[in-house]
Structure formats: C-alpha cells, structure tokens
C-alpha cells in the first residue's frame, strides 16, 4: 500500500503541473490548490473510468500514482487551512535551498523536505523501473547508488545541511540506509517513489 504523502509546498510544485496538464486547466496558485479546484480535480478523477480502475486494483501499474494524487487532492479539500471562500493560506516561508548538485554528489546540500518530496514525486515517474529491477541493466548499479543516497537524505538529513537543520543519525553501527536496504518488504513498497531520483537530480 502506498505511503500517505507529506503534502507541502515542495511536493505541490512537483505534482501540480502534471495533474493540471492531464485536466488541461490552470490553477490560481503554483504551490497550492483552492478548495474548489481540489474538488474539481477529485470529481474529474471519479468520472474517469481508467482512474477509478487503477485506484481499485492494487495490481494496476498506475495504482500507486492514483492513490498518491487522491491523498494529495484530499489534503486541499479537507486539511489545508483556508478562508470561508476556500482560498488556501500560503505555505510558511522556508529558507532558500542549499541544494547544489556536483558531479560526484547530485544531492549535495539537499534538505530532508526536498528529498522527501523528490521521492514521493518519483512514485509518479515509472521510467526507471526496468533499470531498477533488472540487475543486468547497464545503469542499474548507478541508479541504486544514487537512489540510496536520496533515501539516506530523507531518513537522516543532508551531510551538508542548511543552517539550522539538525542532522540526526540512528544509534548503532549500521546506518539507516543500510538497514532499509536489507528490509526487502520496505524496499518493495517504496520502489516506485525512488525510480526517478537520478532523472530529476541529474
């Protein structure tokens, strides 16, 4: 079962363009939906037979993507603070990103929030599934290494964090990412979210 997404401004900016593109419409804001816009998206999904079929069938290749978007849209219908007219409150200001990719570290300076949004967005991008699941693929090892790095940032924080961002590492000799890599059930459940990390960080 897909994990419930943490909806914030970073994730919204990644998901919203694709969502609006499918519906061929615009939104009032680039980082949030009004309540009426979210309701319109939800109604569109419920009226689309392919979307409904994908949501109901967990074996459908698009199930994780549809479930993610459903949770995302419901955030703006039910949870996001809004005025009586359904106009959403702005997201709190956040420090400027310190993410500065390098040739050797595409995640240099990336914050936990950025990594989490990136992994959640990756659930909607299936391009790397073949390479990730095929050990014989010429780019398999590279993808696994970089995706593991992204996962580590989300779990532990960047080794080069923004000012004020604490880096918390688990106790014991084994790192968080090594423990997660050894948990096959965990890796299987989260595979879709990790597939696009290389593409969007390259």
C-alpha atoms as a PDB file:
ATOM      1  CA  UNK A   1       0.000   0.000   0.000  1.00  0.00           C
ATOM      2  CA  UNK A   2       1.430   3.436  -0.927  1.00  0.00           C
ATOM      3  CA  UNK A   3       2.529   5.553   1.998  1.00  0.00           C
ATOM      4  CA  UNK A   4       0.485   8.656   2.780  1.00  0.00           C
ATOM      5  CA  UNK A   5       2.366  11.616   1.300  1.00  0.00           C
ATOM      6  CA  UNK A   6       3.580  14.565   3.322  1.00  0.00           C
ATOM      7  CA  UNK A   7       1.919  17.389   1.391  1.00  0.00           C
ATOM      8  CA  UNK A   8       3.857  20.632   1.422  1.00  0.00           C
ATOM      9  CA  UNK A   9       4.850  23.399  -0.985  1.00  0.00           C
ATOM     10  CA  UNK A  10       7.758  21.399  -2.419  1.00  0.00           C
ATOM     11  CA  UNK A  11       5.645  18.356  -3.238  1.00  0.00           C
ATOM     12  CA  UNK A  12       2.843  20.521  -4.621  1.00  0.00           C
ATOM     13  CA  UNK A  13       5.181  22.255  -7.040  1.00  0.00           C
ATOM     14  CA  UNK A  14       6.277  18.844  -8.340  1.00  0.00           C
ATOM     15  CA  UNK A  15       2.842  17.232  -8.638  1.00  0.00           C
ATOM     16  CA  UNK A  16       0.642  20.115  -9.724  1.00  0.00           C
ATOM     17  CA  UNK A  17       1.950  20.674 -13.291  1.00  0.00           C
ATOM     18  CA  UNK A  18       1.298  17.063 -14.313  1.00  0.00           C
ATOM     19  CA  UNK A  19      -2.096  16.997 -12.635  1.00  0.00           C
ATOM     20  CA  UNK A  20      -3.256  20.190 -14.332  1.00  0.00           C
ATOM     21  CA  UNK A  21      -1.797  19.033 -17.629  1.00  0.00           C
ATOM     22  CA  UNK A  22      -3.970  15.908 -17.598  1.00  0.00           C
ATOM     23  CA  UNK A  23      -7.044  18.053 -16.981  1.00  0.00           C
ATOM     24  CA  UNK A  24      -5.972  20.816 -19.395  1.00  0.00           C
ATOM     25  CA  UNK A  25      -6.605  23.571 -16.876  1.00  0.00           C
ATOM     26  CA  UNK A  26      -4.753  26.119 -14.781  1.00  0.00           C
ATOM     27  CA  UNK A  27      -4.667  26.829 -11.060  1.00  0.00           C
ATOM     28  CA  UNK A  28      -4.769  30.108  -9.201  1.00  0.00           C
ATOM     29  CA  UNK A  29      -1.543  29.346  -7.322  1.00  0.00           C
ATOM     30  CA  UNK A  30       1.590  27.431  -8.297  1.00  0.00           C
ATOM     31  CA  UNK A  31       2.114  25.858  -4.859  1.00  0.00           C
ATOM     32  CA  UNK A  32      -1.405  25.076  -3.640  1.00  0.00           C
ATOM     33  CA  UNK A  33      -4.986  24.392  -4.766  1.00  0.00           C
ATOM     34  CA  UNK A  34      -8.123  26.265  -3.809  1.00  0.00           C
ATOM     35  CA  UNK A  35     -10.836  24.106  -2.290  1.00  0.00           C
ATOM     36  CA  UNK A  36     -12.973  24.423  -5.431  1.00  0.00           C
ATOM     37  CA  UNK A  37     -10.030  23.460  -7.639  1.00  0.00           C
ATOM     38  CA  UNK A  38      -9.316  20.422  -5.496  1.00  0.00           C
ATOM     39  CA  UNK A  39     -12.967  19.371  -5.605  1.00  0.00           C
ATOM     40  CA  UNK A  40     -12.957  19.725  -9.395  1.00  0.00           C
ATOM     41  CA  UNK A  41      -9.873  17.507  -9.642  1.00  0.00           C
ATOM     42  CA  UNK A  42     -11.482  14.924  -7.361  1.00  0.00           C
ATOM     43  CA  UNK A  43     -14.695  14.940  -9.414  1.00  0.00           C
ATOM     44  CA  UNK A  44     -12.690  14.564 -12.625  1.00  0.00           C
ATOM     45  CA  UNK A  45     -10.903  11.534 -11.212  1.00  0.00           C
ATOM     46  CA  UNK A  46     -14.129   9.881 -10.092  1.00  0.00           C
ATOM     47  CA  UNK A  47     -15.633  10.383 -13.566  1.00  0.00           C
ATOM     48  CA  UNK A  48     -12.630   8.864 -15.354  1.00  0.00           C
ATOM     49  CA  UNK A  49     -13.026   5.059 -15.713  1.00  0.00           C
ATOM     50  CA  UNK A  50      -9.268   4.474 -16.066  1.00  0.00           C
ATOM     51  CA  UNK A  51      -8.514   6.420 -12.898  1.00  0.00           C
ATOM     52  CA  UNK A  52     -11.209   4.583 -10.945  1.00  0.00           C
ATOM     53  CA  UNK A  53      -9.999   1.197 -12.185  1.00  0.00           C
ATOM     54  CA  UNK A  54      -6.389   1.968 -11.249  1.00  0.00           C
ATOM     55  CA  UNK A  55      -7.377   3.074  -7.746  1.00  0.00           C
ATOM     56  CA  UNK A  56      -9.470  -0.022  -7.066  1.00  0.00           C
ATOM     57  CA  UNK A  57      -6.881  -2.528  -8.317  1.00  0.00           C
ATOM     58  CA  UNK A  58      -3.663  -2.569  -6.285  1.00  0.00           C
ATOM     59  CA  UNK A  59      -2.032  -4.672  -9.001  1.00  0.00           C
ATOM     60  CA  UNK A  60      -2.657  -1.973 -11.598  1.00  0.00           C
ATOM     61  CA  UNK A  61       0.651  -0.328 -12.654  1.00  0.00           C
ATOM     62  CA  UNK A  62      -0.907   3.096 -12.059  1.00  0.00           C
ATOM     63  CA  UNK A  63      -2.370   2.301  -8.628  1.00  0.00           C
ATOM     64  CA  UNK A  64       0.389   3.941  -6.566  1.00  0.00           C
ATOM     65  CA  UNK A  65       0.267   7.060  -8.719  1.00  0.00           C
ATOM     66  CA  UNK A  66      -3.520   7.416  -8.493  1.00  0.00           C
ATOM     67  CA  UNK A  67      -3.536   6.751  -4.745  1.00  0.00           C
ATOM     68  CA  UNK A  68      -0.856   9.395  -4.260  1.00  0.00           C
ATOM     69  CA  UNK A  69      -2.803  12.014  -6.191  1.00  0.00           C
ATOM     70  CA  UNK A  70      -6.008  11.158  -4.316  1.00  0.00           C
ATOM     71  CA  UNK A  71      -4.304  11.801  -0.962  1.00  0.00           C
ATOM     72  CA  UNK A  72      -2.710  14.934  -2.376  1.00  0.00           C
ATOM     73  CA  UNK A  73      -6.022  16.398  -3.580  1.00  0.00           C
ATOM     74  CA  UNK A  74      -7.854  15.456  -0.383  1.00  0.00           C
ATOM     75  CA  UNK A  75      -5.308  17.477   1.587  1.00  0.00           C
ATOM     76  CA  UNK A  76      -6.572  20.635  -0.124  1.00  0.00           C
ATOM     77  CA  UNK A  77     -10.219  19.677   0.283  1.00  0.00           C
ATOM     78  CA  UNK A  78     -10.157  18.754   3.956  1.00  0.00           C
ATOM     79  CA  UNK A  79      -6.890  19.671   5.690  1.00  0.00           C
ATOM     80  CA  UNK A  80      -5.198  22.758   4.323  1.00  0.00           C
ATOM     81  CA  UNK A  81      -6.145  25.980   6.167  1.00  0.00           C
ATOM     82  CA  UNK A  82      -8.368  28.162   4.003  1.00  0.00           C
ATOM     83  CA  UNK A  83     -10.680  31.143   4.330  1.00  0.00           C
ATOM     84  CA  UNK A  84     -14.505  30.773   4.123  1.00  0.00           C
ATOM     85  CA  UNK A  85     -14.310  31.035   0.324  1.00  0.00           C
ATOM     86  CA  UNK A  86     -11.867  28.129   0.167  1.00  0.00           C
ATOM     87  CA  UNK A  87      -8.803  30.229  -0.697  1.00  0.00           C
ATOM     88  CA  UNK A  88      -5.826  28.353   0.804  1.00  0.00           C
ATOM     89  CA  UNK A  89      -3.436  30.037   3.188  1.00  0.00           C
ATOM     90  CA  UNK A  90       0.111  30.430   1.837  1.00  0.00           C
ATOM     91  CA  UNK A  91       2.707  27.932   2.943  1.00  0.00           C
ATOM     92  CA  UNK A  92       5.143  29.252   5.560  1.00  0.00           C
ATOM     93  CA  UNK A  93       8.312  30.774   4.183  1.00  0.00           C
ATOM     94  CA  UNK A  94      11.252  28.407   4.121  1.00  0.00           C
ATOM     95  CA  UNK A  95      14.983  29.124   3.875  1.00  0.00           C
ATOM     96  CA  UNK A  96      16.449  29.253   0.396  1.00  0.00           C
ATOM     97  CA  UNK A  97      17.526  25.851  -0.843  1.00  0.00           C
ATOM     98  CA  UNK A  98      21.176  24.954  -0.359  1.00  0.00           C
ATOM     99  CA  UNK A  99      20.947  22.107  -2.873  1.00  0.00           C
ATOM    100  CA  UNK A 100      23.989  22.430  -5.131  1.00  0.00           C
ATOM    101  CA  UNK A 101      24.458  19.242  -7.197  1.00  0.00           C
ATOM    102  CA  UNK A 102      28.014  18.278  -8.062  1.00  0.00           C
ATOM    103  CA  UNK A 103      29.443  15.687 -10.443  1.00  0.00           C
ATOM    104  CA  UNK A 104      30.123  13.338  -7.554  1.00  0.00           C
ATOM    105  CA  UNK A 105      27.116  14.166  -5.354  1.00  0.00           C
ATOM    106  CA  UNK A 106      23.802  15.075  -7.006  1.00  0.00           C
ATOM    107  CA  UNK A 107      22.253  15.507  -3.540  1.00  0.00           C
ATOM    108  CA  UNK A 108      24.817  17.910  -2.077  1.00  0.00           C
ATOM    109  CA  UNK A 109      23.097  20.262   0.369  1.00  0.00           C
ATOM    110  CA  UNK A 110      19.617  18.783  -0.204  1.00  0.00           C
ATOM    111  CA  UNK A 111      17.276  19.083   2.779  1.00  0.00           C
ATOM    112  CA  UNK A 112      15.096  16.324   4.185  1.00  0.00           C
ATOM    113  CA  UNK A 113      11.967  18.032   2.867  1.00  0.00           C
ATOM    114  CA  UNK A 114      13.454  18.260  -0.621  1.00  0.00           C
ATOM    115  CA  UNK A 115      14.461  14.598  -0.567  1.00  0.00           C
ATOM    116  CA  UNK A 116      11.063  13.504   0.739  1.00  0.00           C
ATOM    117  CA  UNK A 117       9.221  15.497  -1.926  1.00  0.00           C
ATOM    118  CA  UNK A 118      11.534  14.107  -4.584  1.00  0.00           C
ATOM    119  CA  UNK A 119      10.927  10.501  -3.529  1.00  0.00           C
ATOM    120  CA  UNK A 120       7.159  10.986  -3.313  1.00  0.00           C
ATOM    121  CA  UNK A 121       7.078  12.606  -6.732  1.00  0.00           C
ATOM    122  CA  UNK A 122       9.154   9.722  -8.071  1.00  0.00           C
ATOM    123  CA  UNK A 123       6.207   7.434  -7.362  1.00  0.00           C
ATOM    124  CA  UNK A 124       4.518   9.016 -10.383  1.00  0.00           C
ATOM    125  CA  UNK A 125       7.507   8.542 -12.714  1.00  0.00           C
ATOM    126  CA  UNK A 126       7.950   4.927 -13.885  1.00  0.00           C
ATOM    127  CA  UNK A 127      10.757   5.458 -16.426  1.00  0.00           C
ATOM    128  CA  UNK A 128      13.436   3.796 -14.332  1.00  0.00           C
ATOM    129  CA  UNK A 129      11.513   0.702 -13.285  1.00  0.00           C
ATOM    130  CA  UNK A 130      13.249  -1.576 -15.793  1.00  0.00           C
ATOM    131  CA  UNK A 131      16.727  -0.420 -14.787  1.00  0.00           C
ATOM    132  CA  UNK A 132      15.999  -0.646 -11.065  1.00  0.00           C
ATOM    133  CA  UNK A 133      14.512  -4.128 -11.220  1.00  0.00           C
ATOM    134  CA  UNK A 134      16.987  -5.565 -13.735  1.00  0.00           C
ATOM    135  CA  UNK A 135      20.465  -6.201 -12.242  1.00  0.00           C
ATOM    136  CA  UNK A 136      21.789  -6.689 -15.785  1.00  0.00           C
ATOM    137  CA  UNK A 137      20.758  -3.203 -16.906  1.00  0.00           C
ATOM    138  CA  UNK A 138      23.913  -1.158 -17.692  1.00  0.00           C
ATOM    139  CA  UNK A 139      22.808   1.683 -15.391  1.00  0.00           C
ATOM    140  CA  UNK A 140      21.387  -0.475 -12.603  1.00  0.00           C
ATOM    141  CA  UNK A 141      24.264  -0.052 -10.125  1.00  0.00           C
ATOM    142  CA  UNK A 142      24.487   3.699 -10.715  1.00  0.00           C
ATOM    143  CA  UNK A 143      20.769   4.175 -10.147  1.00  0.00           C
ATOM    144  CA  UNK A 144      20.775   2.076  -6.993  1.00  0.00           C
ATOM    145  CA  UNK A 145      23.719   4.017  -5.555  1.00  0.00           C
ATOM    146  CA  UNK A 146      22.218   7.435  -6.240  1.00  0.00           C
ATOM    147  CA  UNK A 147      18.737   6.451  -5.124  1.00  0.00           C
ATOM    148  CA  UNK A 148      20.143   5.067  -1.892  1.00  0.00           C
ATOM    149  CA  UNK A 149      21.796   8.429  -1.345  1.00  0.00           C
ATOM    150  CA  UNK A 150      18.487  10.217  -1.798  1.00  0.00           C
ATOM    151  CA  UNK A 151      16.835   7.830   0.614  1.00  0.00           C
ATOM    152  CA  UNK A 152      19.554   8.475   3.174  1.00  0.00           C
ATOM    153  CA  UNK A 153      18.978  12.233   2.992  1.00  0.00           C
ATOM    154  CA  UNK A 154      15.261  11.778   3.662  1.00  0.00           C
ATOM    155  CA  UNK A 155      15.955   9.446   6.577  1.00  0.00           C
ATOM    156  CA  UNK A 156      18.931  11.169   8.207  1.00  0.00           C
ATOM    157  CA  UNK A 157      19.334  14.644   6.762  1.00  0.00           C
ATOM    158  CA  UNK A 158      21.923  16.014   4.361  1.00  0.00           C
ATOM    159  CA  UNK A 159      25.596  15.634   5.249  1.00  0.00           C
ATOM    160  CA  UNK A 160      25.803  19.309   4.219  1.00  0.00           C
ATOM    161  CA  UNK A 161      22.569  20.656   5.741  1.00  0.00           C
ATOM    162  CA  UNK A 162      21.157  24.133   5.552  1.00  0.00           C
ATOM    163  CA  UNK A 163      21.889  26.362   8.506  1.00  0.00           C
ATOM    164  CA  UNK A 164      19.746  25.346  11.441  1.00  0.00           C
ATOM    165  CA  UNK A 165      18.856  21.902  10.040  1.00  0.00           C
ATOM    166  CA  UNK A 166      19.824  19.230  12.516  1.00  0.00           C
ATOM    167  CA  UNK A 167      21.412  16.030  11.271  1.00  0.00           C
ATOM    168  CA  UNK A 168      20.145  13.142  13.368  1.00  0.00           C
ATOM    169  CA  UNK A 169      21.730   9.731  12.864  1.00  0.00           C
ATOM    170  CA  UNK A 170      20.491   6.499  14.425  1.00  0.00           C
ATOM    171  CA  UNK A 171      22.397   4.797  17.207  1.00  0.00           C
ATOM    172  CA  UNK A 172      24.364   1.644  16.427  1.00  0.00           C
ATOM    173  CA  UNK A 173      26.901   0.639  13.849  1.00  0.00           C
ATOM    174  CA  UNK A 174      24.535   0.152  10.911  1.00  0.00           C
ATOM    175  CA  UNK A 175      23.370   3.268   9.049  1.00  0.00           C
ATOM    176  CA  UNK A 176      19.707   3.905   8.317  1.00  0.00           C
ATOM    177  CA  UNK A 177      20.068   3.333   4.604  1.00  0.00           C
ATOM    178  CA  UNK A 178      21.886   0.009   5.115  1.00  0.00           C
ATOM    179  CA  UNK A 179      19.093  -1.142   7.398  1.00  0.00           C
ATOM    180  CA  UNK A 180      16.467  -0.090   4.868  1.00  0.00           C
ATOM    181  CA  UNK A 181      18.294  -1.779   2.010  1.00  0.00           C
ATOM    182  CA  UNK A 182      18.194  -5.017   3.993  1.00  0.00           C
ATOM    183  CA  UNK A 183      14.448  -4.756   4.519  1.00  0.00           C
ATOM    184  CA  UNK A 184      13.044  -6.248   1.313  1.00  0.00           C
ATOM    185  CA  UNK A 185       9.429  -5.531   2.215  1.00  0.00           C
ATOM    186  CA  UNK A 186      10.268  -1.864   2.793  1.00  0.00           C
ATOM    187  CA  UNK A 187      12.239  -1.558  -0.427  1.00  0.00           C
ATOM    188  CA  UNK A 188       9.469  -3.198  -2.419  1.00  0.00           C
ATOM    189  CA  UNK A 189       6.800  -0.894  -1.028  1.00  0.00           C
ATOM    190  CA  UNK A 190       8.857   2.223  -1.728  1.00  0.00           C
ATOM    191  CA  UNK A 191      10.392   1.259  -5.069  1.00  0.00           C
ATOM    192  CA  UNK A 192       8.116   3.408  -7.198  1.00  0.00           C
ATOM    193  CA  UNK A 193       8.977   6.537  -5.227  1.00  0.00           C
ATOM    194  CA  UNK A 194      12.678   6.071  -5.818  1.00  0.00           C
ATOM    195  CA  UNK A 195      12.757   5.377  -9.550  1.00  0.00           C
ATOM    196  CA  UNK A 196      13.046   8.964 -10.820  1.00  0.00           C
ATOM    197  CA  UNK A 197      15.695  10.290  -8.439  1.00  0.00           C
ATOM    198  CA  UNK A 198      18.507  10.184 -10.947  1.00  0.00           C
ATOM    199  CA  UNK A 199      16.470  11.775 -13.702  1.00  0.00           C
ATOM    200  CA  UNK A 200      15.461  14.813 -11.707  1.00  0.00           C
ATOM    201  CA  UNK A 201      18.765  15.287  -9.952  1.00  0.00           C
ATOM    202  CA  UNK A 202      20.975  14.895 -12.992  1.00  0.00           C
END
